[in-house]
Amino acid sequence: MADIKISNFDTEVATEFITEISMNGYGLIGIAIERLLDEDIRASLTECEEAIVASEMVAAAIGNPSIALPEDAAEWHAMNLPKGS
């Protein structure tokens, strides 16, 4: 049986969202999560994927990064959101 490993970062949406965060700042992380928490809005698949990536970025910020965190996200993280920030 083959090992199939799926990462929260293995989508085009995730890649694009990480690029957007890198260019526009960490405010997008909060926006992505808040969008899902708004009971009046039915989130799209894209918004759900962005919220998953945003949650992974929060996890990395508190010192529990995913082993699948892409290198560009890890570099941005190290420069902009030091551990514990």
Protein backbone atom coordinates (compact mmCIF):
# COMPACT_ATOMS: atom_id res chain seq x y z
CA MET A 1 0.00 0.00 0.00
CA ALA A 2 1.38 3.39 -0.98
CA ASP A 3 1.78 6.17 1.53
CA ILE A 4 -0.24 9.14 0.39
CA LYS A 5 0.61 12.37 2.11
CA ILE A 6 -1.52 15.43 1.64
CA SER A 7 -0.48 18.83 2.90
CA ASN A 8 -2.59 21.88 3.58
CA PHE A 9 -0.14 23.70 1.33
CA ASP A 10 -0.42 21.47 -1.76
CA THR A 11 -3.00 23.56 -3.60
CA GLU A 12 -2.82 26.47 -5.98
CA VAL A 13 -5.00 28.48 -3.60
CA ALA A 14 -2.55 27.89 -0.74
CA THR A 15 0.42 28.90 -2.86
CA GLU A 16 -1.31 32.07 -4.04
CA PHE A 17 -2.48 32.96 -0.54
CA ILE A 18 1.03 32.61 0.87
CA THR A 19 2.25 34.91 -1.90
CA GLU A 20 -0.50 37.42 -1.05
CA ILE A 21 0.47 37.32 2.64
CA SER A 22 4.12 37.88 1.69
CA MET A 23 3.23 40.89 -0.44
CA ASN A 24 0.41 42.44 1.61
CA GLY A 25 1.15 41.52 5.21
CA TYR A 26 -0.14 39.41 8.04
CA GLY A 27 -3.48 41.23 8.20
CA LEU A 28 -4.71 38.77 5.57
CA ILE A 29 -4.29 35.97 8.10
CA GLY A 30 -6.85 37.53 10.43
CA ILE A 31 -9.21 38.40 7.59
CA ALA A 32 -9.19 34.81 6.32
CA ILE A 33 -10.03 33.41 9.75
CA GLU A 34 -12.65 36.06 10.55
CA ARG A 35 -14.41 35.34 7.25
CA LEU A 36 -15.06 31.78 8.38
CA LEU A 37 -16.24 32.83 11.81
CA ASP A 38 -18.93 35.13 10.39
CA GLU A 39 -22.17 33.16 10.69
CA ASP A 40 -23.88 35.39 8.12
CA ILE A 41 -21.48 34.47 5.33
CA ARG A 42 -21.34 31.10 3.62
CA ALA A 43 -17.64 30.56 2.96
CA SER A 44 -16.46 29.37 -0.43
CA LEU A 45 -13.99 26.54 -0.91
CA THR A 46 -11.27 29.10 -1.64
CA GLU A 47 -12.03 30.98 1.57
CA CYS A 48 -11.89 27.71 3.52
CA GLU A 49 -8.51 26.83 2.01
CA GLU A 50 -7.19 30.30 2.83
CA ALA A 51 -8.41 29.94 6.42
CA ILE A 52 -6.58 26.61 6.75
CA VAL A 53 -3.35 28.22 5.54
CA ALA A 54 -3.96 31.18 7.86
CA SER A 55 -4.42 28.77 10.78
CA GLU A 56 -1.17 27.04 9.87
CA MET A 57 0.56 30.42 9.92
CA VAL A 58 -0.87 31.12 13.38
CA ALA A 59 0.33 27.71 14.56
CA ALA A 60 3.82 28.54 13.29
CA ALA A 61 3.71 31.92 15.06
CA ILE A 62 3.09 30.25 18.42
CA GLY A 63 5.93 27.81 17.90
CA ASN A 64 4.19 24.80 16.38
CA PRO A 65 4.89 25.00 12.63
CA SER A 66 3.77 22.28 10.26
CA ILE A 67 6.56 20.09 8.92
CA ALA A 68 4.99 20.83 5.52
CA LEU A 69 5.26 24.63 5.91
CA PRO A 70 6.69 25.81 2.58
CA GLU A 71 10.14 27.35 2.68
CA ASP A 72 8.92 30.73 1.40
CA ALA A 73 6.26 30.85 4.14
CA ALA A 74 8.81 29.87 6.78
CA GLU A 75 11.21 32.60 5.61
CA TRP A 76 8.46 35.23 5.59
CA HIS A 77 7.38 34.03 9.00
CA ALA A 78 10.87 34.30 10.46
CA MET A 79 11.20 37.88 9.18
CA ASN A 80 7.73 39.14 10.05
CA LEU A 81 6.28 37.06 12.88
CA PRO A 82 8.97 35.95 15.28
CA LYS A 83 8.14 32.98 17.51
CA GLY A 84 5.65 33.93 20.19
CA SER A 85 4.49 37.11 18.47
